[in-house]
């Protein structure tokens, strides 16, 4: 499911390390999208703050672009999988035989 939402975003990575960073962002967006109301708002605020702290050399434009991408991923998850409340606990991407493979571990939350 996460690839349905974020495969194009992940593919924007220039190399496997960059793709892993994009996958990490997609996982954060997915997990935030599983939250509702004030919990979601707080998680988005926390993500923005941590992103800025973790990327001090990024320009304001770079940060805003990255945060816009995360919001777009949240919106896509809402559109396609609004009823799915599965948190992603771990995700990796690796290249095997010149193809990218994503492995995801998840846990159901709520109900």
PDB file of N, CA and C in Angstrom:
ATOM      1  N   UNK A   1       0.806  -1.195   0.000  1.00  0.00           N
ATOM      2  CA  UNK A   1       0.000   0.000   0.000  1.00  0.00           C
ATOM      3  C   UNK A   1       0.852   1.264   0.000  1.00  0.00           C
ATOM      4  N   UNK A   2       1.930   1.238   0.775  1.00  0.00           N
ATOM      5  CA  UNK A   2       2.764   2.442   0.832  1.00  0.00           C
ATOM      6  C   UNK A   2       3.352   2.759  -0.535  1.00  0.00           C
ATOM      7  N   UNK A   3       3.627   1.732  -1.323  1.00  0.00           N
ATOM      8  CA  UNK A   3       4.148   1.983  -2.668  1.00  0.00           C
ATOM      9  C   UNK A   3       3.072   2.556  -3.583  1.00  0.00           C
ATOM     10  N   UNK A   4       1.809   2.188  -3.364  1.00  0.00           N
ATOM     11  CA  UNK A   4       0.721   2.793  -4.129  1.00  0.00           C
ATOM     12  C   UNK A   4       0.684   4.298  -3.899  1.00  0.00           C
ATOM     13  N   UNK A   5       0.990   4.693  -2.689  1.00  0.00           N
ATOM     14  CA  UNK A   5       0.941   6.103  -2.295  1.00  0.00           C
ATOM     15  C   UNK A   5       2.225   6.839  -2.668  1.00  0.00           C
ATOM     16  N   UNK A   6       3.367   6.163  -2.554  1.00  0.00           N
ATOM     17  CA  UNK A   6       4.638   6.893  -2.592  1.00  0.00           C
ATOM     18  C   UNK A   6       5.682   6.390  -3.582  1.00  0.00           C
ATOM     19  N   UNK A   7       5.351   5.494  -4.470  1.00  0.00           N
ATOM     20  CA  UNK A   7       6.390   4.935  -5.348  1.00  0.00           C
ATOM     21  C   UNK A   7       7.063   6.006  -6.209  1.00  0.00           C
ATOM     22  N   UNK A   8       6.296   6.936  -6.736  1.00  0.00           N
ATOM     23  CA  UNK A   8       6.887   7.998  -7.563  1.00  0.00           C
ATOM     24  C   UNK A   8       7.807   8.888  -6.732  1.00  0.00           C
ATOM     25  N   UNK A   9       7.405   9.169  -5.516  1.00  0.00           N
ATOM     26  CA  UNK A   9       8.214   9.997  -4.617  1.00  0.00           C
ATOM     27  C   UNK A   9       9.528   9.289  -4.288  1.00  0.00           C
ATOM     28  N   UNK A  10       9.445   8.015  -3.969  1.00  0.00           N
ATOM     29  CA  UNK A  10      10.646   7.243  -3.638  1.00  0.00           C
ATOM     30  C   UNK A  10      11.581   7.173  -4.843  1.00  0.00           C
ATOM     31  N   UNK A  11      11.013   6.987  -6.020  1.00  0.00           N
ATOM     32  CA  UNK A  11      11.812   6.869  -7.245  1.00  0.00           C
ATOM     33  C   UNK A  11      12.552   8.160  -7.584  1.00  0.00           C
ATOM     34  N   UNK A  12      12.165   9.278  -6.996  1.00  0.00           N
ATOM     35  CA  UNK A  12      12.863  10.541  -7.230  1.00  0.00           C
ATOM     36  C   UNK A  12      14.282  10.522  -6.663  1.00  0.00           C
ATOM     37  N   UNK A  13      14.562   9.581  -5.769  1.00  0.00           N
ATOM     38  CA  UNK A  13      15.899   9.479  -5.194  1.00  0.00           C
ATOM     39  C   UNK A  13      16.933   9.173  -6.254  1.00  0.00           C
ATOM     40  N   UNK A  14      18.073   9.825  -6.155  1.00  0.00           N
ATOM     41  CA  UNK A  14      19.118   9.672  -7.170  1.00  0.00           C
ATOM     42  C   UNK A  14      19.927   8.389  -7.020  1.00  0.00           C
ATOM     43  N   UNK A  15      20.045   7.898  -5.807  1.00  0.00           N
ATOM     44  CA  UNK A  15      20.753   6.650  -5.549  1.00  0.00           C
ATOM     45  C   UNK A  15      20.019   5.932  -4.423  1.00  0.00           C
ATOM     46  N   UNK A  16      20.497   4.767  -4.028  1.00  0.00           N
ATOM     47  CA  UNK A  16      19.779   3.957  -3.054  1.00  0.00           C
ATOM     48  C   UNK A  16      19.674   4.652  -1.695  1.00  0.00           C
ATOM     49  N   UNK A  17      20.710   5.396  -1.314  1.00  0.00           N
ATOM     50  CA  UNK A  17      20.662   6.120  -0.043  1.00  0.00           C
ATOM     51  C   UNK A  17      19.606   7.225  -0.089  1.00  0.00           C
ATOM     52  N   UNK A  18      19.548   7.922  -1.199  1.00  0.00           N
ATOM     53  CA  UNK A  18      18.557   8.976  -1.369  1.00  0.00           C
ATOM     54  C   UNK A  18      17.140   8.385  -1.413  1.00  0.00           C
ATOM     55  N   UNK A  19      17.006   7.245  -2.071  1.00  0.00           N
ATOM     56  CA  UNK A  19      15.703   6.574  -2.112  1.00  0.00           C
ATOM     57  C   UNK A  19      15.282   6.134  -0.711  1.00  0.00           C
ATOM     58  N   UNK A  20      16.250   5.713   0.101  1.00  0.00           N
ATOM     59  CA  UNK A  20      15.930   5.335   1.481  1.00  0.00           C
ATOM     60  C   UNK A  20      15.417   6.549   2.248  1.00  0.00           C
ATOM     61  N   UNK A  21      16.026   7.706   2.026  1.00  0.00           N
ATOM     62  CA  UNK A  21      15.553   8.930   2.690  1.00  0.00           C
ATOM     63  C   UNK A  21      14.133   9.273   2.245  1.00  0.00           C
ATOM     64  N   UNK A  22      13.862   9.113   0.960  1.00  0.00           N
ATOM     65  CA  UNK A  22      12.505   9.352   0.464  1.00  0.00           C
ATOM     66  C   UNK A  22      11.524   8.339   1.064  1.00  0.00           C
ATOM     67  N   UNK A  23      11.954   7.096   1.167  1.00  0.00           N
ATOM     68  CA  UNK A  23      11.111   6.071   1.789  1.00  0.00           C
ATOM     69  C   UNK A  23      10.842   6.433   3.250  1.00  0.00           C
ATOM     70  N   UNK A  24      11.864   6.900   3.957  1.00  0.00           N
ATOM     71  CA  UNK A  24      11.674   7.304   5.355  1.00  0.00           C
ATOM     72  C   UNK A  24      10.630   8.415   5.459  1.00  0.00           C
ATOM     73  N   UNK A  25      10.699   9.385   4.544  1.00  0.00           N
ATOM     74  CA  UNK A  25       9.712  10.449   4.528  1.00  0.00           C
ATOM     75  C   UNK A  25       8.314   9.919   4.241  1.00  0.00           C
ATOM     76  N   UNK A  26       8.229   8.973   3.311  1.00  0.00           N
ATOM     77  CA  UNK A  26       6.934   8.370   2.977  1.00  0.00           C
ATOM     78  C   UNK A  26       6.354   7.614   4.168  1.00  0.00           C
ATOM     79  N   UNK A  27       7.216   6.933   4.917  1.00  0.00           N
ATOM     80  CA  UNK A  27       6.772   6.228   6.117  1.00  0.00           C
ATOM     81  C   UNK A  27       6.245   7.225   7.151  1.00  0.00           C
ATOM     82  N   UNK A  28       6.958   8.323   7.339  1.00  0.00           N
ATOM     83  CA  UNK A  28       6.490   9.346   8.278  1.00  0.00           C
ATOM     84  C   UNK A  28       5.127   9.884   7.849  1.00  0.00           C
ATOM     85  N   UNK A  29       4.985  10.171   6.565  1.00  0.00           N
ATOM     86  CA  UNK A  29       3.714  10.682   6.051  1.00  0.00           C
ATOM     87  C   UNK A  29       2.599   9.660   6.261  1.00  0.00           C
ATOM     88  N   UNK A  30       2.876   8.414   5.964  1.00  0.00           N
ATOM     89  CA  UNK A  30       1.886   7.350   6.153  1.00  0.00           C
ATOM     90  C   UNK A  30       1.433   7.289   7.608  1.00  0.00           C
ATOM     91  N   UNK A  31       2.404   7.255   8.517  1.00  0.00           N
ATOM     92  CA  UNK A  31       2.071   7.130   9.937  1.00  0.00           C
ATOM     93  C   UNK A  31       1.306   8.341  10.449  1.00  0.00           C
ATOM     94  N   UNK A  32       1.680   9.518  10.002  1.00  0.00           N
ATOM     95  CA  UNK A  32       0.949  10.721  10.386  1.00  0.00           C
ATOM     96  C   UNK A  32      -0.482  10.643   9.854  1.00  0.00           C
ATOM     97  N   UNK A  33      -0.647  10.168   8.627  1.00  0.00           N
ATOM     98  CA  UNK A  33      -1.975  10.074   8.017  1.00  0.00           C
ATOM     99  C   UNK A  33      -2.885   9.095   8.757  1.00  0.00           C
ATOM    100  N   UNK A  34      -2.310   8.185   9.513  1.00  0.00           N
ATOM    101  CA  UNK A  34      -3.119   7.248  10.300  1.00  0.00           C
ATOM    102  C   UNK A  34      -3.727   7.916  11.531  1.00  0.00           C
ATOM    103  N   UNK A  35      -3.224   9.071  11.884  1.00  0.00           N
ATOM    104  CA  UNK A  35      -3.729   9.796  13.052  1.00  0.00           C
ATOM    105  C   UNK A  35      -4.904  10.673  12.651  1.00  0.00           C
ATOM    106  N   UNK A  36      -5.659  11.108  13.631  1.00  0.00           N
ATOM    107  CA  UNK A  36      -6.816  11.961  13.381  1.00  0.00           C
ATOM    108  C   UNK A  36      -6.788  13.184  14.298  1.00  0.00           C
ATOM    109  N   UNK A  37      -7.416  14.226  13.829  1.00  0.00           N
ATOM    110  CA  UNK A  37      -7.647  15.419  14.635  1.00  0.00           C
ATOM    111  C   UNK A  37      -6.390  16.048  15.196  1.00  0.00           C
ATOM    112  N   UNK A  38      -6.433  16.322  16.499  1.00  0.00           N
ATOM    113  CA  UNK A  38      -5.333  17.011  17.174  1.00  0.00           C
ATOM    114  C   UNK A  38      -4.056  16.180  17.186  1.00  0.00           C
ATOM    115  N   UNK A  39      -4.199  14.863  17.220  1.00  0.00           N
ATOM    116  CA  UNK A  39      -3.006  13.999  17.191  1.00  0.00           C
ATOM    117  C   UNK A  39      -2.255  14.181  15.875  1.00  0.00           C
ATOM    118  N   UNK A  40      -3.001  14.269  14.780  1.00  0.00           N
ATOM    119  CA  UNK A  40      -2.372  14.463  13.470  1.00  0.00           C
ATOM    120  C   UNK A  40      -1.714  15.830  13.403  1.00  0.00           C
ATOM    121  N   UNK A  41      -2.422  16.856  13.824  1.00  0.00           N
ATOM    122  CA  UNK A  41      -1.871  18.213  13.806  1.00  0.00           C
ATOM    123  C   UNK A  41      -0.576  18.292  14.609  1.00  0.00           C
ATOM    124  N   UNK A  42      -0.567  17.666  15.780  1.00  0.00           N
ATOM    125  CA  UNK A  42       0.629  17.668  16.629  1.00  0.00           C
ATOM    126  C   UNK A  42       1.772  16.915  15.955  1.00  0.00           C
ATOM    127  N   UNK A  43       1.455  15.800  15.301  1.00  0.00           N
ATOM    128  CA  UNK A  43       2.495  15.005  14.631  1.00  0.00           C
ATOM    129  C   UNK A  43       3.087  15.771  13.452  1.00  0.00           C
ATOM    130  N   UNK A  44       2.260  16.484  12.693  1.00  0.00           N
ATOM    131  CA  UNK A  44       2.769  17.282  11.575  1.00  0.00           C
ATOM    132  C   UNK A  44       3.677  18.387  12.090  1.00  0.00           C
ATOM    133  N   UNK A  45       3.250  19.045  13.148  1.00  0.00           N
ATOM    134  CA  UNK A  45       4.055  20.117  13.746  1.00  0.00           C
ATOM    135  C   UNK A  45       5.404  19.576  14.235  1.00  0.00           C
ATOM    136  N   UNK A  46       5.366  18.428  14.887  1.00  0.00           N
ATOM    137  CA  UNK A  46       6.593  17.800  15.388  1.00  0.00           C
ATOM    138  C   UNK A  46       7.509  17.400  14.236  1.00  0.00           C
ATOM    139  N   UNK A  47       6.929  16.849  13.165  1.00  0.00           N
ATOM    140  CA  UNK A  47       7.718  16.450  11.999  1.00  0.00           C
ATOM    141  C   UNK A  47       8.414  17.662  11.387  1.00  0.00           C
ATOM    142  N   UNK A  48       7.677  18.749  11.213  1.00  0.00           N
ATOM    143  CA  UNK A  48       8.254  19.969  10.641  1.00  0.00           C
ATOM    144  C   UNK A  48       9.437  20.454  11.481  1.00  0.00           C
ATOM    145  N   UNK A  49       9.245  20.483  12.782  1.00  0.00           N
ATOM    146  CA  UNK A  49      10.305  20.956  13.680  1.00  0.00           C
ATOM    147  C   UNK A  49      11.530  20.047  13.595  1.00  0.00           C
ATOM    148  N   UNK A  50      11.319  18.747  13.642  1.00  0.00           N
ATOM    149  CA  UNK A  50      12.436  17.804  13.582  1.00  0.00           C
ATOM    150  C   UNK A  50      13.126  17.838  12.221  1.00  0.00           C
ATOM    151  N   UNK A  51      12.353  18.007  11.162  1.00  0.00           N
ATOM    152  CA  UNK A  51      12.948  18.067   9.827  1.00  0.00           C
ATOM    153  C   UNK A  51      13.884  19.258   9.728  1.00  0.00           C
ATOM    154  N   UNK A  52      13.438  20.401  10.228  1.00  0.00           N
ATOM    155  CA  UNK A  52      14.286  21.596  10.193  1.00  0.00           C
ATOM    156  C   UNK A  52      15.558  21.397  11.015  1.00  0.00           C
ATOM    157  N   UNK A  53      15.428  20.762  12.179  1.00  0.00           N
ATOM    158  CA  UNK A  53      16.585  20.522  13.037  1.00  0.00           C
ATOM    159  C   UNK A  53      17.566  19.534  12.405  1.00  0.00           C
ATOM    160  N   UNK A  54      17.042  18.536  11.715  1.00  0.00           N
ATOM    161  CA  UNK A  54      17.895  17.502  11.128  1.00  0.00           C
ATOM    162  C   UNK A  54      18.547  17.949   9.820  1.00  0.00           C
ATOM    163  N   UNK A  55      18.064  19.045   9.254  1.00  0.00           N
ATOM    164  CA  UNK A  55      18.565  19.518   7.963  1.00  0.00           C
ATOM    165  C   UNK A  55      18.923  21.001   8.035  1.00  0.00           C
ATOM    166  N   UNK A  56      19.844  21.361   8.924  1.00  0.00           N
ATOM    167  CA  UNK A  56      20.151  22.785   9.121  1.00  0.00           C
ATOM    168  C   UNK A  56      20.778  23.461   7.908  1.00  0.00           C
ATOM    169  N   UNK A  57      21.375  22.697   7.005  1.00  0.00           N
ATOM    170  CA  UNK A  57      22.014  23.302   5.837  1.00  0.00           C
ATOM    171  C   UNK A  57      21.033  23.523   4.680  1.00  0.00           C
ATOM    172  N   UNK A  58      19.822  22.986   4.791  1.00  0.00           N
ATOM    173  CA  UNK A  58      18.832  23.174   3.736  1.00  0.00           C
ATOM    174  C   UNK A  58      18.332  24.621   3.734  1.00  0.00           C
ATOM    175  N   UNK A  59      18.052  25.121   2.543  1.00  0.00           N
ATOM    176  CA  UNK A  59      17.460  26.455   2.442  1.00  0.00           C
ATOM    177  C   UNK A  59      15.994  26.377   2.858  1.00  0.00           C
ATOM    178  N   UNK A  60      15.430  27.527   3.118  1.00  0.00           N
ATOM    179  CA  UNK A  60      14.018  27.581   3.481  1.00  0.00           C
ATOM    180  C   UNK A  60      13.165  26.987   2.350  1.00  0.00           C
ATOM    181  N   UNK A  61      13.562  27.261   1.117  1.00  0.00           N
ATOM    182  CA  UNK A  61      12.840  26.724  -0.035  1.00  0.00           C
ATOM    183  C   UNK A  61      12.899  25.199  -0.057  1.00  0.00           C
ATOM    184  N   UNK A  62      14.097  24.636   0.182  1.00  0.00           N
ATOM    185  CA  UNK A  62      14.259  23.178   0.214  1.00  0.00           C
ATOM    186  C   UNK A  62      13.371  22.551   1.291  1.00  0.00           C
ATOM    187  N   UNK A  63      13.367  23.156   2.455  1.00  0.00           N
ATOM    188  CA  UNK A  63      12.561  22.638   3.564  1.00  0.00           C
ATOM    189  C   UNK A  63      11.078  22.702   3.225  1.00  0.00           C
ATOM    190  N   UNK A  64      10.645  23.835   2.693  1.00  0.00           N
ATOM    191  CA  UNK A  64       9.230  23.970   2.340  1.00  0.00           C
ATOM    192  C   UNK A  64       8.830  22.953   1.276  1.00  0.00           C
ATOM    193  N   UNK A  65       9.698  22.729   0.304  1.00  0.00           N
ATOM    194  CA  UNK A  65       9.409  21.749  -0.740  1.00  0.00           C
ATOM    195  C   UNK A  65       9.287  20.344  -0.156  1.00  0.00           C
ATOM    196  N   UNK A  66      10.193  19.990   0.731  1.00  0.00           N
ATOM    197  CA  UNK A  66      10.150  18.672   1.367  1.00  0.00           C
ATOM    198  C   UNK A  66       8.875  18.509   2.190  1.00  0.00           C
ATOM    199  N   UNK A  67       8.511  19.536   2.925  1.00  0.00           N
ATOM    200  CA  UNK A  67       7.306  19.473   3.744  1.00  0.00           C
ATOM    201  C   UNK A  67       6.041  19.433   2.887  1.00  0.00           C
ATOM    202  N   UNK A  68       6.064  20.100   1.752  1.00  0.00           N
ATOM    203  CA  UNK A  68       4.931  20.019   0.817  1.00  0.00           C
ATOM    204  C   UNK A  68       4.783  18.595   0.280  1.00  0.00           C
ATOM    205  N   UNK A  69       5.902  17.952  -0.005  1.00  0.00           N
ATOM    206  CA  UNK A  69       5.854  16.566  -0.474  1.00  0.00           C
ATOM    207  C   UNK A  69       5.250  15.649   0.582  1.00  0.00           C
ATOM    208  N   UNK A  70       5.620  15.855   1.831  1.00  0.00           N
ATOM    209  CA  UNK A  70       5.068  15.038   2.921  1.00  0.00           C
ATOM    210  C   UNK A  70       3.556  15.259   3.008  1.00  0.00           C
ATOM    211  N   UNK A  71       3.124  16.504   2.894  1.00  0.00           N
ATOM    212  CA  UNK A  71       1.685  16.784   2.943  1.00  0.00           C
ATOM    213  C   UNK A  71       0.953  16.135   1.769  1.00  0.00           C
ATOM    214  N   UNK A  72       1.562  16.150   0.598  1.00  0.00           N
ATOM    215  CA  UNK A  72       0.952  15.490  -0.562  1.00  0.00           C
ATOM    216  C   UNK A  72       0.817  13.984  -0.337  1.00  0.00           C
ATOM    217  N   UNK A  73       1.821  13.383   0.292  1.00  0.00           N
ATOM    218  CA  UNK A  73       1.758  11.955   0.596  1.00  0.00           C
ATOM    219  C   UNK A  73       0.669  11.655   1.627  1.00  0.00           C
ATOM    220  N   UNK A  74       0.539  12.514   2.617  1.00  0.00           N
ATOM    221  CA  UNK A  74      -0.533  12.364   3.608  1.00  0.00           C
ATOM    222  C   UNK A  74      -1.884  12.419   2.895  1.00  0.00           C
ATOM    223  N   UNK A  75      -2.035  13.383   2.007  1.00  0.00           N
ATOM    224  CA  UNK A  75      -3.286  13.531   1.263  1.00  0.00           C
ATOM    225  C   UNK A  75      -3.568  12.308   0.395  1.00  0.00           C
ATOM    226  N   UNK A  76      -2.533  11.751  -0.226  1.00  0.00           N
ATOM    227  CA  UNK A  76      -2.710  10.557  -1.067  1.00  0.00           C
ATOM    228  C   UNK A  76      -3.119   9.345  -0.222  1.00  0.00           C
ATOM    229  N   UNK A  77      -2.506   9.199   0.941  1.00  0.00           N
ATOM    230  CA  UNK A  77      -2.881   8.095   1.828  1.00  0.00           C
ATOM    231  C   UNK A  77      -4.337   8.255   2.231  1.00  0.00           C
ATOM    232  N   UNK A  78      -4.739   9.470   2.575  1.00  0.00           N
ATOM    233  CA  UNK A  78      -6.137   9.732   2.936  1.00  0.00           C
ATOM    234  C   UNK A  78      -7.079   9.389   1.789  1.00  0.00           C
ATOM    235  N   UNK A  79      -6.683   9.725   0.588  1.00  0.00           N
ATOM    236  CA  UNK A  79      -7.535   9.503  -0.584  1.00  0.00           C
ATOM    237  C   UNK A  79      -7.718   8.016  -0.883  1.00  0.00           C
ATOM    238  N   UNK A  80      -6.650   7.265  -0.843  1.00  0.00           N
ATOM    239  CA  UNK A  80      -6.705   5.870  -1.266  1.00  0.00           C
ATOM    240  C   UNK A  80      -6.908   4.861  -0.134  1.00  0.00           C
ATOM    241  N   UNK A  81      -6.458   5.203   1.061  1.00  0.00           N
ATOM    242  CA  UNK A  81      -6.510   4.248   2.175  1.00  0.00           C
ATOM    243  C   UNK A  81      -6.960   4.916   3.474  1.00  0.00           C
ATOM    244  N   UNK A  82      -8.016   5.685   3.413  1.00  0.00           N
ATOM    245  CA  UNK A  82      -8.452   6.449   4.588  1.00  0.00           C
ATOM    246  C   UNK A  82      -8.853   5.560   5.764  1.00  0.00           C
ATOM    247  N   UNK A  83      -9.328   4.358   5.492  1.00  0.00           N
ATOM    248  CA  UNK A  83      -9.780   3.472   6.567  1.00  0.00           C
ATOM    249  C   UNK A  83      -8.682   2.561   7.102  1.00  0.00           C
ATOM    250  N   UNK A  84      -7.502   2.638   6.536  1.00  0.00           N
ATOM    251  CA  UNK A  84      -6.400   1.774   6.963  1.00  0.00           C
ATOM    252  C   UNK A  84      -5.620   2.451   8.086  1.00  0.00           C
ATOM    253  N   UNK A  85      -5.565   1.764   9.245  1.00  0.00           N
ATOM    254  CA  UNK A  85      -4.821   2.296  10.396  1.00  0.00           C
ATOM    255  C   UNK A  85      -3.692   1.348  10.749  1.00  0.00           C
ATOM    256  N   UNK A  86      -2.786   1.202   9.835  1.00  0.00           N
ATOM    257  CA  UNK A  86      -1.623   0.335  10.036  1.00  0.00           C
ATOM    258  C   UNK A  86      -0.388   1.220  10.056  1.00  0.00           C
ATOM    259  N   UNK A  87       0.301   1.230  11.175  1.00  0.00           N
ATOM    260  CA  UNK A  87       1.525   2.009  11.311  1.00  0.00           C
ATOM    261  C   UNK A  87       2.694   1.209  10.754  1.00  0.00           C
ATOM    262  N   UNK A  88       3.548   1.893  10.031  1.00  0.00           N
ATOM    263  CA  UNK A  88       4.759   1.264   9.515  1.00  0.00           C
ATOM    264  C   UNK A  88       5.838   1.414  10.573  1.00  0.00           C
ATOM    265  N   UNK A  89       6.391   0.285  10.991  1.00  0.00           N
ATOM    266  CA  UNK A  89       7.401   0.301  12.050  1.00  0.00           C
ATOM    267  C   UNK A  89       8.826   0.303  11.503  1.00  0.00           C
ATOM    268  N   UNK A  90       8.975  -0.155  10.252  1.00  0.00           N
ATOM    269  CA  UNK A  90      10.312  -0.223   9.661  1.00  0.00           C
ATOM    270  C   UNK A  90      10.167  -0.409   8.155  1.00  0.00           C
ATOM    271  N   UNK A  91      11.023   0.247   7.391  1.00  0.00           N
ATOM    272  CA  UNK A  91      10.993   0.072   5.938  1.00  0.00           C
ATOM    273  C   UNK A  91      12.400   0.273   5.388  1.00  0.00           C
ATOM    274  N   UNK A  92      12.763  -0.598   4.465  1.00  0.00           N
ATOM    275  CA  UNK A  92      14.071  -0.487   3.816  1.00  0.00           C
ATOM    276  C   UNK A  92      13.908  -0.681   2.316  1.00  0.00           C
ATOM    277  N   UNK A  93      14.849  -0.120   1.588  1.00  0.00           N
ATOM    278  CA  UNK A  93      14.890  -0.315   0.146  1.00  0.00           C
ATOM    279  C   UNK A  93      16.296  -0.791  -0.202  1.00  0.00           C
ATOM    280  N   UNK A  94      16.363  -1.761  -1.069  1.00  0.00           N
ATOM    281  CA  UNK A  94      17.660  -2.262  -1.521  1.00  0.00           C
ATOM    282  C   UNK A  94      17.548  -2.637  -2.990  1.00  0.00           C
ATOM    283  N   UNK A  95      18.670  -2.635  -3.662  1.00  0.00           N
ATOM    284  CA  UNK A  95      18.704  -3.007  -5.065  1.00  0.00           C
ATOM    285  C   UNK A  95      19.167  -4.453  -5.176  1.00  0.00           C
ATOM    286  N   UNK A  96      18.335  -5.253  -5.846  1.00  0.00           N
ATOM    287  CA  UNK A  96      18.645  -6.659  -6.080  1.00  0.00           C
ATOM    288  C   UNK A  96      18.465  -6.909  -7.574  1.00  0.00           C
ATOM    289  N   UNK A  97      19.526  -7.388  -8.226  1.00  0.00           N
ATOM    290  CA  UNK A  97      19.474  -7.644  -9.678  1.00  0.00           C
ATOM    291  C   UNK A  97      18.965  -6.423 -10.447  1.00  0.00           C
ATOM    292  N   UNK A  98      19.514  -5.267 -10.090  1.00  0.00           N
ATOM    293  CA  UNK A  98      19.188  -3.992 -10.749  1.00  0.00           C
ATOM    294  C   UNK A  98      17.743  -3.543 -10.586  1.00  0.00           C
ATOM    295  N   UNK A  99      17.039  -4.095  -9.599  1.00  0.00           N
ATOM    296  CA  UNK A  99      15.675  -3.668  -9.302  1.00  0.00           C
ATOM    297  C   UNK A  99      15.595  -3.261  -7.835  1.00  0.00           C
ATOM    298  N   UNK A 100      14.839  -2.197  -7.575  1.00  0.00           N
ATOM    299  CA  UNK A 100      14.642  -1.764  -6.192  1.00  0.00           C
ATOM    300  C   UNK A 100      13.559  -2.607  -5.530  1.00  0.00           C
ATOM    301  N   UNK A 101      13.857  -3.048  -4.312  1.00  0.00           N
ATOM    302  CA  UNK A 101      12.918  -3.848  -3.524  1.00  0.00           C
ATOM    303  C   UNK A 101      12.713  -3.154  -2.181  1.00  0.00           C
ATOM    304  N   UNK A 102      11.452  -3.015  -1.807  1.00  0.00           N
ATOM    305  CA  UNK A 102      11.098  -2.383  -0.541  1.00  0.00           C
ATOM    306  C   UNK A 102      10.554  -3.451   0.396  1.00  0.00           C
ATOM    307  N   UNK A 103      11.046  -3.445   1.624  1.00  0.00           N
ATOM    308  CA  UNK A 103      10.555  -4.327   2.672  1.00  0.00           C
ATOM    309  C   UNK A 103       9.959  -3.458   3.763  1.00  0.00           C
ATOM    310  N   UNK A 104       8.739  -3.807   4.192  1.00  0.00           N
ATOM    311  CA  UNK A 104       8.028  -3.002   5.173  1.00  0.00           C
ATOM    312  C   UNK A 104       7.541  -3.895   6.303  1.00  0.00           C
ATOM    313  N   UNK A 105       7.726  -3.429   7.536  1.00  0.00           N
ATOM    314  CA  UNK A 105       7.142  -4.075   8.707  1.00  0.00           C
ATOM    315  C   UNK A 105       6.091  -3.112   9.255  1.00  0.00           C
ATOM    316  N   UNK A 106       4.965  -3.674   9.675  1.00  0.00           N
ATOM    317  CA  UNK A 106       3.879  -2.814  10.138  1.00  0.00           C
ATOM    318  C   UNK A 106       3.161  -3.422  11.332  1.00  0.00           C
ATOM    319  N   UNK A 107       2.334  -2.588  11.980  1.00  0.00           N
ATOM    320  CA  UNK A 107       1.544  -3.023  13.114  1.00  0.00           C
ATOM    321  C   UNK A 107       0.189  -2.326  13.064  1.00  0.00           C
ATOM    322  N   UNK A 108      -0.868  -3.084  13.262  1.00  0.00           N
ATOM    323  CA  UNK A 108      -2.209  -2.509  13.242  1.00  0.00           C
ATOM    324  C   UNK A 108      -2.435  -1.737  14.552  1.00  0.00           C
ATOM    325  N   UNK A 109      -3.049  -0.571  14.418  1.00  0.00           N
ATOM    326  CA  UNK A 109      -3.356   0.233  15.590  1.00  0.00           C
ATOM    327  C   UNK A 109      -4.857   0.437  15.688  1.00  0.00           C
ATOM    328  N   UNK A 110      -5.309   0.808  16.866  1.00  0.00           N
ATOM    329  CA  UNK A 110      -6.724   1.108  17.024  1.00  0.00           C
ATOM    330  C   UNK A 110      -7.562  -0.135  17.078  1.00  0.00           C
ATOM    331  N   UNK A 111      -8.816   0.050  16.757  1.00  0.00           N
ATOM    332  CA  UNK A 111      -9.855  -0.979  16.798  1.00  0.00           C
ATOM    333  C   UNK A 111      -9.274  -2.338  16.813  1.00  0.00           C
TER     334      UNK A 111
END
